[in-house]
Amino acid sequence: METRSTITCPECGHRETETMPTDACQFYYDCKGCGTLLRPKPGDCCVFCSYGDRRCPPKATGPAD
């Protein structure tokens, strides 16, 4: 299971590779480029599913949507 994902900020375009939690979804993320507090988009469980290049581990290993 891949636990690293690159988050891209929708405000400034800054990209940062982060380690995702394997047992929970992450609801908030502070952009290291502009400081914007990212929250999941409606229908997504976490910031990695919304802004990352990989889905979070709980979603990736869970049932299909």
C-alpha atoms as a PDB file:
ATOM      1  CA  MET A   1       0.000   0.000   0.000  1.00  0.00           C
ATOM      2  CA  GLU A   2       1.344   3.413  -0.986  1.00  0.00           C
ATOM      3  CA  THR A   3       1.339   5.843   1.940  1.00  0.00           C
ATOM      4  CA  ARG A   4       2.857   8.914   0.251  1.00  0.00           C
ATOM      5  CA  SER A   5       0.819  11.405  -1.748  1.00  0.00           C
ATOM      6  CA  THR A   6       1.624  14.747  -3.344  1.00  0.00           C
ATOM      7  CA  ILE A   7      -0.903  17.407  -2.359  1.00  0.00           C
ATOM      8  CA  THR A   8      -1.387  20.316  -4.772  1.00  0.00           C
ATOM      9  CA  CYS A   9      -2.835  23.507  -3.295  1.00  0.00           C
ATOM     10  CA  PRO A  10      -5.754  24.799  -5.397  1.00  0.00           C
ATOM     11  CA  GLU A  11      -4.965  28.382  -4.317  1.00  0.00           C
ATOM     12  CA  CYS A  12      -1.258  28.742  -5.130  1.00  0.00           C
ATOM     13  CA  GLY A  13      -0.312  25.511  -6.925  1.00  0.00           C
ATOM     14  CA  HIS A  14       2.330  24.564  -4.324  1.00  0.00           C
ATOM     15  CA  ARG A  15       3.030  20.814  -4.296  1.00  0.00           C
ATOM     16  CA  GLU A  16       4.220  18.898  -1.249  1.00  0.00           C
ATOM     17  CA  THR A  17       4.668  15.149  -0.789  1.00  0.00           C
ATOM     18  CA  GLU A  18       3.316  13.960   2.550  1.00  0.00           C
ATOM     19  CA  THR A  19       2.850  10.664   4.381  1.00  0.00           C
ATOM     20  CA  MET A  20      -0.813   9.770   4.745  1.00  0.00           C
ATOM     21  CA  PRO A  21      -2.200   8.268   7.952  1.00  0.00           C
ATOM     22  CA  THR A  22      -3.032   4.605   7.369  1.00  0.00           C
ATOM     23  CA  ASP A  23      -5.818   4.275   9.918  1.00  0.00           C
ATOM     24  CA  ALA A  24      -7.782   7.511   9.513  1.00  0.00           C
ATOM     25  CA  CYS A  25      -8.690  10.285   7.110  1.00  0.00           C
ATOM     26  CA  GLN A  26      -7.010  13.694   7.388  1.00  0.00           C
ATOM     27  CA  PHE A  27      -9.580  16.491   7.401  1.00  0.00           C
ATOM     28  CA  TYR A  28      -7.270  19.535   7.381  1.00  0.00           C
ATOM     29  CA  TYR A  29      -3.969  20.465   5.761  1.00  0.00           C
ATOM     30  CA  ASP A  30      -2.038  23.751   5.940  1.00  0.00           C
ATOM     31  CA  CYS A  31      -0.449  24.597   2.577  1.00  0.00           C
ATOM     32  CA  LYS A  32       3.264  25.149   3.066  1.00  0.00           C
ATOM     33  CA  GLY A  33       3.282  27.583   0.145  1.00  0.00           C
ATOM     34  CA  CYS A  34       0.553  30.089   0.987  1.00  0.00           C
ATOM     35  CA  GLY A  35      -0.807  28.962   4.363  1.00  0.00           C
ATOM     36  CA  THR A  36      -4.322  28.193   3.094  1.00  0.00           C
ATOM     37  CA  LEU A  37      -6.157  25.689   5.279  1.00  0.00           C
ATOM     38  CA  LEU A  38      -7.353  22.950   2.926  1.00  0.00           C
ATOM     39  CA  ARG A  39     -10.466  20.946   3.714  1.00  0.00           C
ATOM     40  CA  PRO A  40     -11.936  18.017   1.766  1.00  0.00           C
ATOM     41  CA  LYS A  41     -14.214  18.789  -1.164  1.00  0.00           C
ATOM     42  CA  PRO A  42     -17.868  17.781  -0.719  1.00  0.00           C
ATOM     43  CA  GLY A  43     -18.156  14.008  -1.073  1.00  0.00           C
ATOM     44  CA  ASP A  44     -14.473  13.335  -0.308  1.00  0.00           C
ATOM     45  CA  CYS A  45     -13.383  11.905   3.031  1.00  0.00           C
ATOM     46  CA  CYS A  46     -10.075  13.774   3.361  1.00  0.00           C
ATOM     47  CA  VAL A  47      -7.633  16.265   1.857  1.00  0.00           C
ATOM     48  CA  PHE A  48      -5.636  13.489   0.151  1.00  0.00           C
ATOM     49  CA  CYS A  49      -8.723  12.304  -1.758  1.00  0.00           C
ATOM     50  CA  SER A  50      -9.459  15.914  -2.789  1.00  0.00           C
ATOM     51  CA  TYR A  51      -6.004  17.354  -3.529  1.00  0.00           C
ATOM     52  CA  GLY A  52      -3.554  14.444  -3.540  1.00  0.00           C
ATOM     53  CA  ASP A  53      -2.311  12.339  -6.406  1.00  0.00           C
ATOM     54  CA  ARG A  54      -3.371   9.199  -4.492  1.00  0.00           C
ATOM     55  CA  ARG A  55      -6.462   8.323  -2.492  1.00  0.00           C
ATOM     56  CA  CYS A  56      -5.992   7.892   1.254  1.00  0.00           C
ATOM     57  CA  PRO A  57      -5.267   4.331   2.499  1.00  0.00           C
ATOM     58  CA  PRO A  58      -8.685   3.847   4.165  1.00  0.00           C
ATOM     59  CA  LYS A  59     -10.399   4.655   0.823  1.00  0.00           C
ATOM     60  CA  ALA A  60      -7.892   2.777  -1.321  1.00  0.00           C
ATOM     61  CA  THR A  61      -8.368  -0.439   0.671  1.00  0.00           C
ATOM     62  CA  GLY A  62     -12.091  -0.005   1.375  1.00  0.00           C
ATOM     63  CA  PRO A  63     -15.075  -0.869  -0.810  1.00  0.00           C
ATOM     64  CA  ALA A  64     -15.364   0.840  -4.197  1.00  0.00           C
ATOM     65  CA  ASP A  65     -17.529   3.964  -4.366  1.00  0.00           C
END
